[in-house]
Amino acid sequence: MPRKLRIQYPGAIYHVINRGNYKSDVFGEPGAAQAFVATLEEAVDRYGWRLGAYVVMRNHFHLAVQTPEPNLTAGMHWLQCTFATRFNRLRKENGHLFQGRYRGILLETNHDWARVVDYIHLNPVRAGLVSPDQVAQFRWSSLNRFHKNQLFNGLSTLGWMQAIELDDSSKGWARYGERLVQKAGLPRESAQAEHDELTSGWAIGTEIWKETTLSTRVPEILAKRTGESAGLGTEFLATKWRLRLKQELAEAGKSDEEVRSSRKGVSWKIAIADRLQRELGVPIKWIARELNMGNPTSVRAYLWSHRKNSHITS
């Protein structure tokens, strides 16, 4: 199986998540959590990261991290492998500790970074481990370190705290605590919606930013077929397909209005559909909807006739 694609570039911000193998309580013992935090400190320093927040729960961890250099993959490999080696050596065990590869969700702005930091700091509250007003007492969280002013190299509020118009002062932290208490009191539906948004997909931001990120940061991914980039998820694929469709329409001199108003089986639509399907493996259902070509059965018929007449097989 090909390795999961990663999107890396200087200054990228990520929400990083991973779980224990089979959701096991990797960090169930205080010594394990402490060892992971110590290894994280080393990784942040070694790779020059700016760590905005972290939390270590019983069976998973979260990081909100910015990478001045495009080295998230290298840093996470070192962090997880080093911790696993130390963990297994101490317990005279072997095997994988984590549930596959970590999830690294790109963030567009410092405001998105602040939202993820809030989510990370509230993990112990939503797990029922501490009350909202005592969340800073949770030991395995960056919030505890911030409150005690026990920072390590790379752990910083720079960027995300300014985005919410607070400063690193006693007054600023008091207001931040109020912010967390308020967020902890959100209705269950709102909290679940935020959880879903901040922990899924490949990126959090506007569609324009997502498309720009793909086209300017990792243009080589755009040429890969669907199967080769599927590891980034269906949302990523949809962004990639939309970007390619825009390129095809621009080259054909066609507008969105023409997509809506032109006949479903017009030749230029069929030609674009053919390239999208053959070169990238874009699903027929998606093509039918986005090019306004009717139902998928009709699109298959158009493509069959087009390929037959053009002597193209697929």
C-alpha atoms as a PDB file:
ATOM      1  CA  MET A   1       0.000   0.000   0.000  1.00  0.00           C
ATOM      2  CA  PRO A   2       1.422   3.450  -0.909  1.00  0.00           C
ATOM      3  CA  ARG A   3       2.338   5.793   1.903  1.00  0.00           C
ATOM      4  CA  LYS A   4      -0.263   8.372   2.817  1.00  0.00           C
ATOM      5  CA  LEU A   5       0.453  11.684   1.138  1.00  0.00           C
ATOM      6  CA  ARG A   6       1.410  14.621   3.359  1.00  0.00           C
ATOM      7  CA  ILE A   7       1.080  18.300   2.535  1.00  0.00           C
ATOM      8  CA  GLN A   8       4.039  20.212   3.940  1.00  0.00           C
ATOM      9  CA  TYR A   9       5.332  23.740   3.383  1.00  0.00           C
ATOM     10  CA  PRO A  10       7.163  26.392   5.442  1.00  0.00           C
ATOM     11  CA  GLY A  11       4.939  27.949   8.086  1.00  0.00           C
ATOM     12  CA  ALA A  12       2.152  25.366   7.827  1.00  0.00           C
ATOM     13  CA  ILE A  13      -0.078  24.966  10.897  1.00  0.00           C
ATOM     14  CA  TYR A  14      -1.563  21.595  11.824  1.00  0.00           C
ATOM     15  CA  HIS A  15      -3.922  19.872  14.205  1.00  0.00           C
ATOM     16  CA  VAL A  16      -2.148  16.554  14.802  1.00  0.00           C
ATOM     17  CA  ILE A  17      -3.986  13.566  16.290  1.00  0.00           C
ATOM     18  CA  ASN A  18      -3.105   9.960  16.947  1.00  0.00           C
ATOM     19  CA  ARG A  19      -4.459   7.124  19.081  1.00  0.00           C
ATOM     20  CA  GLY A  20      -3.093   4.072  20.771  1.00  0.00           C
ATOM     21  CA  ASN A  21      -3.118   0.887  18.722  1.00  0.00           C
ATOM     22  CA  TYR A  22      -6.596  -0.671  18.933  1.00  0.00           C
ATOM     23  CA  LYS A  23      -7.485   2.410  21.045  1.00  0.00           C
ATOM     24  CA  SER A  24      -5.409   1.006  23.885  1.00  0.00           C
ATOM     25  CA  ASP A  25      -4.553   3.157  26.912  1.00  0.00           C
ATOM     26  CA  VAL A  26      -0.979   3.902  25.857  1.00  0.00           C
ATOM     27  CA  PHE A  27      -0.831   6.819  28.294  1.00  0.00           C
ATOM     28  CA  GLY A  28      -2.910   5.218  31.039  1.00  0.00           C
ATOM     29  CA  GLU A  29      -0.030   5.349  33.508  1.00  0.00           C
ATOM     30  CA  PRO A  30       1.390   8.733  34.613  1.00  0.00           C
ATOM     31  CA  GLY A  31       4.903   7.590  33.726  1.00  0.00           C
ATOM     32  CA  ALA A  32       3.913   6.967  30.123  1.00  0.00           C
ATOM     33  CA  ALA A  33       2.260  10.369  29.765  1.00  0.00           C
ATOM     34  CA  GLN A  34       5.260  12.057  31.340  1.00  0.00           C
ATOM     35  CA  ALA A  35       7.646  10.198  29.038  1.00  0.00           C
ATOM     36  CA  PHE A  36       5.624  11.229  25.987  1.00  0.00           C
ATOM     37  CA  VAL A  37       5.642  14.899  27.007  1.00  0.00           C
ATOM     38  CA  ALA A  38       9.410  14.716  27.569  1.00  0.00           C
ATOM     39  CA  THR A  39       9.876  13.191  24.110  1.00  0.00           C
ATOM     40  CA  LEU A  40       7.587  15.844  22.633  1.00  0.00           C
ATOM     41  CA  GLU A  41       9.769  18.555  24.180  1.00  0.00           C
ATOM     42  CA  GLU A  42      12.788  17.031  22.445  1.00  0.00           C
ATOM     43  CA  ALA A  43      10.993  16.795  19.111  1.00  0.00           C
ATOM     44  CA  VAL A  44       9.814  20.416  19.236  1.00  0.00           C
ATOM     45  CA  ASP A  45      13.339  21.600  19.950  1.00  0.00           C
ATOM     46  CA  ARG A  46      14.989  19.272  17.434  1.00  0.00           C
ATOM     47  CA  TYR A  47      12.731  20.252  14.538  1.00  0.00           C
ATOM     48  CA  GLY A  48      12.230  23.912  15.408  1.00  0.00           C
ATOM     49  CA  TRP A  49       8.465  23.689  15.775  1.00  0.00           C
ATOM     50  CA  ARG A  50       6.187  26.276  17.373  1.00  0.00           C
ATOM     51  CA  LEU A  51       3.881  24.272  19.609  1.00  0.00           C
ATOM     52  CA  GLY A  52       0.702  26.160  20.447  1.00  0.00           C
ATOM     53  CA  ALA A  53      -0.925  23.434  22.525  1.00  0.00           C
ATOM     54  CA  TYR A  54      -0.859  19.765  23.420  1.00  0.00           C
ATOM     55  CA  VAL A  55      -2.825  17.328  25.527  1.00  0.00           C
ATOM     56  CA  VAL A  56      -2.107  13.712  26.361  1.00  0.00           C
ATOM     57  CA  MET A  57      -5.202  11.648  27.169  1.00  0.00           C
ATOM     58  CA  ARG A  58      -5.344   7.969  28.170  1.00  0.00           C
ATOM     59  CA  ASN A  59      -5.432   6.611  24.627  1.00  0.00           C
ATOM     60  CA  HIS A  60      -4.627   9.521  22.326  1.00  0.00           C
ATOM     61  CA  PHE A  61      -2.878  12.855  21.979  1.00  0.00           C
ATOM     62  CA  HIS A  62      -3.463  16.182  20.216  1.00  0.00           C
ATOM     63  CA  LEU A  63      -0.975  18.806  19.072  1.00  0.00           C
ATOM     64  CA  ALA A  64      -1.519  22.273  17.577  1.00  0.00           C
ATOM     65  CA  VAL A  65       1.780  22.970  15.876  1.00  0.00           C
ATOM     66  CA  GLN A  66       3.341  25.274  13.309  1.00  0.00           C
ATOM     67  CA  THR A  67       6.343  24.091  11.288  1.00  0.00           C
ATOM     68  CA  PRO A  68       8.630  26.949  10.141  1.00  0.00           C
ATOM     69  CA  GLU A  69      10.329  24.328   7.965  1.00  0.00           C
ATOM     70  CA  PRO A  70       8.343  21.694   6.003  1.00  0.00           C
ATOM     71  CA  ASN A  71       9.258  18.873   8.374  1.00  0.00           C
ATOM     72  CA  LEU A  72       6.099  17.610  10.052  1.00  0.00           C
ATOM     73  CA  THR A  73       6.564  14.103   8.635  1.00  0.00           C
ATOM     74  CA  ALA A  74      10.166  13.842   9.807  1.00  0.00           C
ATOM     75  CA  GLY A  75       9.360  15.264  13.228  1.00  0.00           C
ATOM     76  CA  MET A  76       6.347  13.053  13.843  1.00  0.00           C
ATOM     77  CA  HIS A  77       8.265   9.979  12.706  1.00  0.00           C
ATOM     78  CA  TRP A  78      11.015  10.804  15.193  1.00  0.00           C
ATOM     79  CA  LEU A  79       8.553  11.590  17.998  1.00  0.00           C
ATOM     80  CA  GLN A  80       6.477   8.445  17.671  1.00  0.00           C
ATOM     81  CA  CYS A  81       9.342   6.054  16.948  1.00  0.00           C
ATOM     82  CA  THR A  82      11.497   7.432  19.761  1.00  0.00           C
ATOM     83  CA  PHE A  83       8.660   7.245  22.272  1.00  0.00           C
ATOM     84  CA  ALA A  84       7.694   3.734  21.147  1.00  0.00           C
ATOM     85  CA  THR A  85      11.289   2.540  21.494  1.00  0.00           C
ATOM     86  CA  ARG A  86      11.576   3.977  25.004  1.00  0.00           C
ATOM     87  CA  PHE A  87       8.144   2.673  26.008  1.00  0.00           C
ATOM     88  CA  ASN A  88       8.824  -0.867  24.762  1.00  0.00           C
ATOM     89  CA  ARG A  89      12.339  -0.970  26.218  1.00  0.00           C
ATOM     90  CA  LEU A  90      11.070   0.018  29.653  1.00  0.00           C
ATOM     91  CA  ARG A  91       8.364  -2.639  29.603  1.00  0.00           C
ATOM     92  CA  LYS A  92      10.406  -5.250  27.720  1.00  0.00           C
ATOM     93  CA  GLU A  93       7.749  -5.347  25.013  1.00  0.00           C
ATOM     94  CA  ASN A  94       7.637  -4.790  21.266  1.00  0.00           C
ATOM     95  CA  GLY A  95       5.122  -3.872  18.603  1.00  0.00           C
ATOM     96  CA  HIS A  96       3.256  -0.829  17.378  1.00  0.00           C
ATOM     97  CA  LEU A  97       1.952   1.628  19.950  1.00  0.00           C
ATOM     98  CA  PHE A  98      -0.105   3.887  17.694  1.00  0.00           C
ATOM     99  CA  GLN A  99      -3.117   3.350  15.482  1.00  0.00           C
ATOM    100  CA  GLY A 100      -1.501   3.706  12.090  1.00  0.00           C
ATOM    101  CA  ARG A 101      -0.169   7.027  10.912  1.00  0.00           C
ATOM    102  CA  TYR A 102      -1.115  10.249  12.637  1.00  0.00           C
ATOM    103  CA  ARG A 103      -3.708  12.641  11.241  1.00  0.00           C
ATOM    104  CA  GLY A 104      -2.313  16.066  10.341  1.00  0.00           C
ATOM    105  CA  ILE A 105      -5.083  18.561   9.494  1.00  0.00           C
ATOM    106  CA  LEU A 106      -3.922  21.816   7.918  1.00  0.00           C
ATOM    107  CA  LEU A 107      -5.184  25.116   9.351  1.00  0.00           C
ATOM    108  CA  GLU A 108      -5.581  28.284   7.313  1.00  0.00           C
ATOM    109  CA  THR A 109      -5.332  31.082   9.874  1.00  0.00           C
ATOM    110  CA  ASN A 110      -4.172  31.891  13.382  1.00  0.00           C
ATOM    111  CA  HIS A 111      -7.843  32.127  14.320  1.00  0.00           C
ATOM    112  CA  ASP A 112      -8.320  28.505  13.221  1.00  0.00           C
ATOM    113  CA  TRP A 113      -5.222  27.686  15.268  1.00  0.00           C
ATOM    114  CA  ALA A 114      -6.832  29.315  18.324  1.00  0.00           C
ATOM    115  CA  ARG A 115     -10.004  27.277  17.868  1.00  0.00           C
ATOM    116  CA  VAL A 116      -7.968  24.066  17.769  1.00  0.00           C
ATOM    117  CA  VAL A 117      -6.011  25.163  20.861  1.00  0.00           C
ATOM    118  CA  ASP A 118      -9.319  25.666  22.695  1.00  0.00           C
ATOM    119  CA  TYR A 119     -10.511  22.248  21.574  1.00  0.00           C
ATOM    120  CA  ILE A 120      -7.279  20.627  22.761  1.00  0.00           C
ATOM    121  CA  HIS A 121      -7.355  22.338  26.146  1.00  0.00           C
ATOM    122  CA  LEU A 122     -10.988  21.307  26.669  1.00  0.00           C
ATOM    123  CA  ASN A 123     -10.337  17.609  25.980  1.00  0.00           C
ATOM    124  CA  PRO A 124     -10.017  16.711  29.696  1.00  0.00           C
ATOM    125  CA  VAL A 125     -13.294  18.536  30.439  1.00  0.00           C
ATOM    126  CA  ARG A 126     -15.219  16.724  27.720  1.00  0.00           C
ATOM    127  CA  ALA A 127     -13.737  13.436  28.904  1.00  0.00           C
ATOM    128  CA  GLY A 128     -15.129  14.160  32.383  1.00  0.00           C
ATOM    129  CA  LEU A 129     -11.694  14.286  34.026  1.00  0.00           C
ATOM    130  CA  VAL A 130     -11.882  17.872  35.332  1.00  0.00           C
ATOM    131  CA  SER A 131     -14.484  20.611  35.628  1.00  0.00           C
ATOM    132  CA  PRO A 132     -14.287  23.602  33.253  1.00  0.00           C
ATOM    133  CA  ASP A 133     -13.053  25.960  35.962  1.00  0.00           C
ATOM    134  CA  GLN A 134     -10.281  23.481  36.922  1.00  0.00           C
ATOM    135  CA  VAL A 135      -9.117  22.594  33.419  1.00  0.00           C
ATOM    136  CA  ALA A 136      -5.721  24.262  33.953  1.00  0.00           C
ATOM    137  CA  GLN A 137      -5.046  21.683  36.687  1.00  0.00           C
ATOM    138  CA  PHE A 138      -4.956  18.796  34.215  1.00  0.00           C
ATOM    139  CA  ARG A 139      -1.323  17.770  34.363  1.00  0.00           C
ATOM    140  CA  TRP A 140      -0.727  16.483  30.833  1.00  0.00           C
ATOM    141  CA  SER A 141      -1.788  19.619  28.996  1.00  0.00           C
ATOM    142  CA  SER A 142      -0.017  22.717  27.723  1.00  0.00           C
ATOM    143  CA  LEU A 143      -2.568  24.830  29.595  1.00  0.00           C
ATOM    144  CA  ASN A 144      -1.121  23.543  32.860  1.00  0.00           C
ATOM    145  CA  ARG A 145       2.364  24.545  31.699  1.00  0.00           C
ATOM    146  CA  PHE A 146       1.208  27.980  30.572  1.00  0.00           C
ATOM    147  CA  HIS A 147      -0.466  28.669  33.918  1.00  0.00           C
ATOM    148  CA  LYS A 148       2.587  27.576  35.877  1.00  0.00           C
ATOM    149  CA  ASN A 149       4.923  29.417  33.483  1.00  0.00           C
ATOM    150  CA  GLN A 150       6.804  26.145  32.973  1.00  0.00           C
ATOM    151  CA  LEU A 151       7.450  26.550  29.277  1.00  0.00           C
ATOM    152  CA  PHE A 152       9.955  24.648  27.204  1.00  0.00           C
ATOM    153  CA  ASN A 153      11.719  25.716  24.024  1.00  0.00           C
ATOM    154  CA  GLY A 154       9.118  26.031  21.277  1.00  0.00           C
ATOM    155  CA  LEU A 155       5.988  25.997  23.467  1.00  0.00           C
ATOM    156  CA  SER A 156       4.459  29.387  22.768  1.00  0.00           C
ATOM    157  CA  THR A 157       1.233  31.375  22.552  1.00  0.00           C
ATOM    158  CA  LEU A 158       2.618  33.439  19.684  1.00  0.00           C
ATOM    159  CA  GLY A 159       0.082  33.558  16.878  1.00  0.00           C
ATOM    160  CA  TRP A 160      -2.982  31.901  18.324  1.00  0.00           C
ATOM    161  CA  MET A 161      -3.384  34.044  21.462  1.00  0.00           C
ATOM    162  CA  GLN A 162      -3.063  37.295  19.540  1.00  0.00           C
ATOM    163  CA  ALA A 163      -5.706  36.026  17.117  1.00  0.00           C
ATOM    164  CA  ILE A 164      -8.278  36.079  19.925  1.00  0.00           C
ATOM    165  CA  GLU A 165      -7.020  39.473  21.147  1.00  0.00           C
ATOM    166  CA  LEU A 166      -5.476  38.258  24.396  1.00  0.00           C
ATOM    167  CA  ASP A 167      -1.963  38.579  25.735  1.00  0.00           C
ATOM    168  CA  ASP A 168       0.321  36.374  27.795  1.00  0.00           C
ATOM    169  CA  SER A 169      -0.426  38.009  31.143  1.00  0.00           C
ATOM    170  CA  SER A 170      -2.349  37.121  34.287  1.00  0.00           C
ATOM    171  CA  LYS A 171      -5.278  39.143  33.003  1.00  0.00           C
ATOM    172  CA  GLY A 172      -5.041  37.513  29.586  1.00  0.00           C
ATOM    173  CA  TRP A 173      -5.036  34.020  31.081  1.00  0.00           C
ATOM    174  CA  ALA A 174      -7.983  34.861  33.319  1.00  0.00           C
ATOM    175  CA  ARG A 175      -9.954  35.940  30.269  1.00  0.00           C
ATOM    176  CA  TYR A 176      -8.837  32.835  28.411  1.00  0.00           C
ATOM    177  CA  GLY A 177     -10.141  30.685  31.279  1.00  0.00           C
ATOM    178  CA  GLU A 178     -13.497  32.428  30.968  1.00  0.00           C
ATOM    179  CA  ARG A 179     -13.441  31.678  27.249  1.00  0.00           C
ATOM    180  CA  LEU A 180     -12.916  27.965  27.911  1.00  0.00           C
ATOM    181  CA  VAL A 181     -15.668  27.841  30.551  1.00  0.00           C
ATOM    182  CA  GLN A 182     -18.039  29.471  28.079  1.00  0.00           C
ATOM    183  CA  LYS A 183     -17.111  27.004  25.343  1.00  0.00           C
ATOM    184  CA  ALA A 184     -17.485  24.072  27.724  1.00  0.00           C
ATOM    185  CA  GLY A 185     -21.068  25.152  28.284  1.00  0.00           C
ATOM    186  CA  LEU A 186     -22.076  24.950  24.628  1.00  0.00           C
ATOM    187  CA  PRO A 187     -25.047  22.682  23.823  1.00  0.00           C
ATOM    188  CA  ARG A 188     -24.112  19.091  23.004  1.00  0.00           C
ATOM    189  CA  GLU A 189     -25.034  19.556  19.335  1.00  0.00           C
ATOM    190  CA  SER A 190     -22.752  22.585  18.949  1.00  0.00           C
ATOM    191  CA  ALA A 191     -19.874  20.850  20.717  1.00  0.00           C
ATOM    192  CA  GLN A 192     -20.272  17.785  18.479  1.00  0.00           C
ATOM    193  CA  ALA A 193     -20.358  19.933  15.351  1.00  0.00           C
ATOM    194  CA  GLU A 194     -17.133  21.643  16.394  1.00  0.00           C
ATOM    195  CA  HIS A 195     -15.537  18.286  17.193  1.00  0.00           C
ATOM    196  CA  ASP A 196     -16.450  16.969  13.744  1.00  0.00           C
ATOM    197  CA  GLU A 197     -15.106  20.069  12.016  1.00  0.00           C
ATOM    198  CA  LEU A 198     -11.797  20.228  13.892  1.00  0.00           C
ATOM    199  CA  THR A 199     -10.925  16.529  13.777  1.00  0.00           C
ATOM    200  CA  SER A 200     -11.862  15.434  10.260  1.00  0.00           C
ATOM    201  CA  GLY A 201     -10.959  16.242   6.682  1.00  0.00           C
ATOM    202  CA  TRP A 202      -7.566  17.323   5.413  1.00  0.00           C
ATOM    203  CA  ALA A 203      -7.772  21.078   6.087  1.00  0.00           C
ATOM    204  CA  ILE A 204      -9.775  23.704   7.966  1.00  0.00           C
ATOM    205  CA  GLY A 205     -10.285  26.917   6.026  1.00  0.00           C
ATOM    206  CA  THR A 206     -11.988  28.491   3.041  1.00  0.00           C
ATOM    207  CA  GLU A 207     -12.393  26.648  -0.239  1.00  0.00           C
ATOM    208  CA  ILE A 208     -10.339  29.312  -2.038  1.00  0.00           C
ATOM    209  CA  TRP A 209      -7.455  28.767   0.387  1.00  0.00           C
ATOM    210  CA  LYS A 210      -7.683  24.985   0.028  1.00  0.00           C
ATOM    211  CA  GLU A 211      -7.549  25.222  -3.745  1.00  0.00           C
ATOM    212  CA  THR A 212      -4.685  27.721  -3.639  1.00  0.00           C
ATOM    213  CA  THR A 213      -2.772  25.502  -1.214  1.00  0.00           C
ATOM    214  CA  LEU A 214      -3.040  22.519  -3.534  1.00  0.00           C
ATOM    215  CA  SER A 215      -2.192  24.415  -6.708  1.00  0.00           C
ATOM    216  CA  THR A 216       0.768  26.361  -5.318  1.00  0.00           C
ATOM    217  CA  ARG A 217       2.159  24.192  -2.506  1.00  0.00           C
ATOM    218  CA  VAL A 218       1.788  20.656  -3.816  1.00  0.00           C
ATOM    219  CA  PRO A 219       0.926  20.821  -7.550  1.00  0.00           C
ATOM    220  CA  GLU A 220       2.345  17.328  -8.083  1.00  0.00           C
ATOM    221  CA  ILE A 221      -0.570  15.865  -6.119  1.00  0.00           C
ATOM    222  CA  LEU A 222      -3.036  17.200  -8.673  1.00  0.00           C
ATOM    223  CA  ALA A 223      -1.696  14.821 -11.313  1.00  0.00           C
ATOM    224  CA  LYS A 224      -2.140  11.724  -9.153  1.00  0.00           C
ATOM    225  CA  ARG A 225      -5.101   9.454  -9.723  1.00  0.00           C
ATOM    226  CA  THR A 226      -7.790   9.205  -7.090  1.00  0.00           C
ATOM    227  CA  GLY A 227      -6.445   5.972  -5.637  1.00  0.00           C
ATOM    228  CA  GLU A 228      -2.996   7.466  -5.060  1.00  0.00           C
ATOM    229  CA  SER A 229      -4.258  10.415  -3.027  1.00  0.00           C
ATOM    230  CA  ALA A 230      -7.285   8.810  -1.383  1.00  0.00           C
ATOM    231  CA  GLY A 231      -5.438   8.657   1.939  1.00  0.00           C
ATOM    232  CA  LEU A 232      -6.120  12.363   2.429  1.00  0.00           C
ATOM    233  CA  GLY A 233      -9.874  11.735   2.467  1.00  0.00           C
ATOM    234  CA  THR A 234     -12.920  12.454   0.355  1.00  0.00           C
ATOM    235  CA  GLU A 235     -12.943  16.172   1.185  1.00  0.00           C
ATOM    236  CA  PHE A 236      -9.407  16.504  -0.169  1.00  0.00           C
ATOM    237  CA  LEU A 237     -10.354  14.634  -3.337  1.00  0.00           C
ATOM    238  CA  ALA A 238     -13.355  16.894  -3.896  1.00  0.00           C
ATOM    239  CA  THR A 239     -11.141  19.976  -3.585  1.00  0.00           C
ATOM    240  CA  LYS A 240      -8.627  18.453  -5.993  1.00  0.00           C
ATOM    241  CA  TRP A 241     -11.344  17.564  -8.510  1.00  0.00           C
ATOM    242  CA  ARG A 242     -12.898  21.038  -8.330  1.00  0.00           C
ATOM    243  CA  LEU A 243      -9.523  22.622  -8.985  1.00  0.00           C
ATOM    244  CA  ARG A 244      -8.869  20.404 -11.993  1.00  0.00           C
ATOM    245  CA  LEU A 245     -12.370  21.128 -13.317  1.00  0.00           C
ATOM    246  CA  LYS A 246     -11.700  24.868 -13.061  1.00  0.00           C
ATOM    247  CA  GLN A 247      -8.507  24.397 -15.057  1.00  0.00           C
ATOM    248  CA  GLU A 248     -10.334  22.391 -17.711  1.00  0.00           C
ATOM    249  CA  LEU A 249     -13.089  25.002 -18.031  1.00  0.00           C
ATOM    250  CA  ALA A 250     -10.549  27.831 -18.278  1.00  0.00           C
ATOM    251  CA  GLU A 251      -8.641  26.034 -21.025  1.00  0.00           C
ATOM    252  CA  ALA A 252     -11.895  25.398 -22.881  1.00  0.00           C
ATOM    253  CA  GLY A 253     -12.948  29.047 -22.458  1.00  0.00           C
ATOM    254  CA  LYS A 254     -16.134  28.035 -20.644  1.00  0.00           C
ATOM    255  CA  SER A 255     -17.814  29.718 -17.673  1.00  0.00           C
ATOM    256  CA  ASP A 256     -19.834  28.380 -14.759  1.00  0.00           C
ATOM    257  CA  GLU A 257     -22.910  29.886 -16.382  1.00  0.00           C
ATOM    258  CA  GLU A 258     -22.239  27.859 -19.540  1.00  0.00           C
ATOM    259  CA  VAL A 259     -21.919  24.720 -17.419  1.00  0.00           C
ATOM    260  CA  ARG A 260     -25.403  25.394 -16.043  1.00  0.00           C
ATOM    261  CA  SER A 261     -27.059  26.468 -19.296  1.00  0.00           C
ATOM    262  CA  SER A 262     -25.446  24.254 -21.968  1.00  0.00           C
ATOM    263  CA  ARG A 263     -26.901  20.935 -23.064  1.00  0.00           C
ATOM    264  CA  LYS A 264     -26.090  17.977 -20.842  1.00  0.00           C
ATOM    265  CA  GLY A 265     -24.454  16.046 -23.665  1.00  0.00           C
ATOM    266  CA  VAL A 266     -22.628  18.879 -25.443  1.00  0.00           C
ATOM    267  CA  SER A 267     -19.282  17.767 -26.858  1.00  0.00           C
ATOM    268  CA  TRP A 268     -17.038  19.995 -24.721  1.00  0.00           C
ATOM    269  CA  LYS A 269     -18.599  18.680 -21.514  1.00  0.00           C
ATOM    270  CA  ILE A 270     -18.090  15.098 -22.660  1.00  0.00           C
ATOM    271  CA  ALA A 271     -14.445  15.797 -23.522  1.00  0.00           C
ATOM    272  CA  ILE A 272     -13.795  17.302 -20.077  1.00  0.00           C
ATOM    273  CA  ALA A 273     -15.641  14.447 -18.367  1.00  0.00           C
ATOM    274  CA  ASP A 274     -13.549  11.943 -20.286  1.00  0.00           C
ATOM    275  CA  ARG A 275     -10.255  13.497 -19.161  1.00  0.00           C
ATOM    276  CA  LEU A 276     -11.369  13.818 -15.552  1.00  0.00           C
ATOM    277  CA  GLN A 277     -12.489  10.213 -15.427  1.00  0.00           C
ATOM    278  CA  ARG A 278      -9.570   8.634 -17.302  1.00  0.00           C
ATOM    279  CA  GLU A 279      -6.681  10.738 -15.967  1.00  0.00           C
ATOM    280  CA  LEU A 280      -7.745  11.234 -12.354  1.00  0.00           C
ATOM    281  CA  GLY A 281     -10.324   8.518 -11.782  1.00  0.00           C
ATOM    282  CA  VAL A 282     -13.016  11.039 -10.828  1.00  0.00           C
ATOM    283  CA  PRO A 283     -16.315   9.248 -10.064  1.00  0.00           C
ATOM    284  CA  ILE A 284     -19.033   9.463 -12.698  1.00  0.00           C
ATOM    285  CA  LYS A 285     -21.565  10.627 -10.121  1.00  0.00           C
ATOM    286  CA  TRP A 286     -19.400  13.635  -9.202  1.00  0.00           C
ATOM    287  CA  ILE A 287     -18.827  14.503 -12.884  1.00  0.00           C
ATOM    288  CA  ALA A 288     -22.542  14.293 -13.633  1.00  0.00           C
ATOM    289  CA  ARG A 289     -23.375  16.722 -10.843  1.00  0.00           C
ATOM    290  CA  GLU A 290     -20.578  19.254 -11.301  1.00  0.00           C
ATOM    291  CA  LEU A 291     -20.801  19.440 -15.103  1.00  0.00           C
ATOM    292  CA  ASN A 292     -24.623  19.396 -15.085  1.00  0.00           C
ATOM    293  CA  MET A 293     -24.723  16.340 -17.343  1.00  0.00           C
ATOM    294  CA  GLY A 294     -27.800  14.595 -15.976  1.00  0.00           C
ATOM    295  CA  ASN A 295     -27.741  11.276 -14.193  1.00  0.00           C
ATOM    296  CA  PRO A 296     -24.648   9.008 -14.003  1.00  0.00           C
ATOM    297  CA  THR A 297     -26.163   6.488 -16.433  1.00  0.00           C
ATOM    298  CA  SER A 298     -26.415   9.192 -19.094  1.00  0.00           C
ATOM    299  CA  VAL A 299     -22.802  10.254 -18.490  1.00  0.00           C
ATOM    300  CA  ARG A 300     -21.610   6.663 -18.890  1.00  0.00           C
ATOM    301  CA  ALA A 301     -23.460   6.474 -22.206  1.00  0.00           C
ATOM    302  CA  TYR A 302     -21.921   9.751 -23.401  1.00  0.00           C
ATOM    303  CA  LEU A 303     -18.439   8.551 -22.460  1.00  0.00           C
ATOM    304  CA  TRP A 304     -18.911   5.124 -24.042  1.00  0.00           C
ATOM    305  CA  SER A 305     -19.954   6.703 -27.337  1.00  0.00           C
ATOM    306  CA  HIS A 306     -17.131   9.289 -27.159  1.00  0.00           C
ATOM    307  CA  ARG A 307     -14.490   6.678 -26.502  1.00  0.00           C
ATOM    308  CA  LYS A 308     -15.847   4.345 -29.148  1.00  0.00           C
ATOM    309  CA  ASN A 309     -15.738   7.102 -31.756  1.00  0.00           C
ATOM    310  CA  SER A 310     -12.284   8.210 -30.596  1.00  0.00           C
ATOM    311  CA  HIS A 311     -10.969   4.612 -30.376  1.00  0.00           C
ATOM    312  CA  ILE A 312     -10.210   5.155 -26.648  1.00  0.00           C
ATOM    313  CA  THR A 313     -10.568   2.344 -24.157  1.00  0.00           C
ATOM    314  CA  SER A 314     -10.579   2.651 -20.384  1.00  0.00           C
END
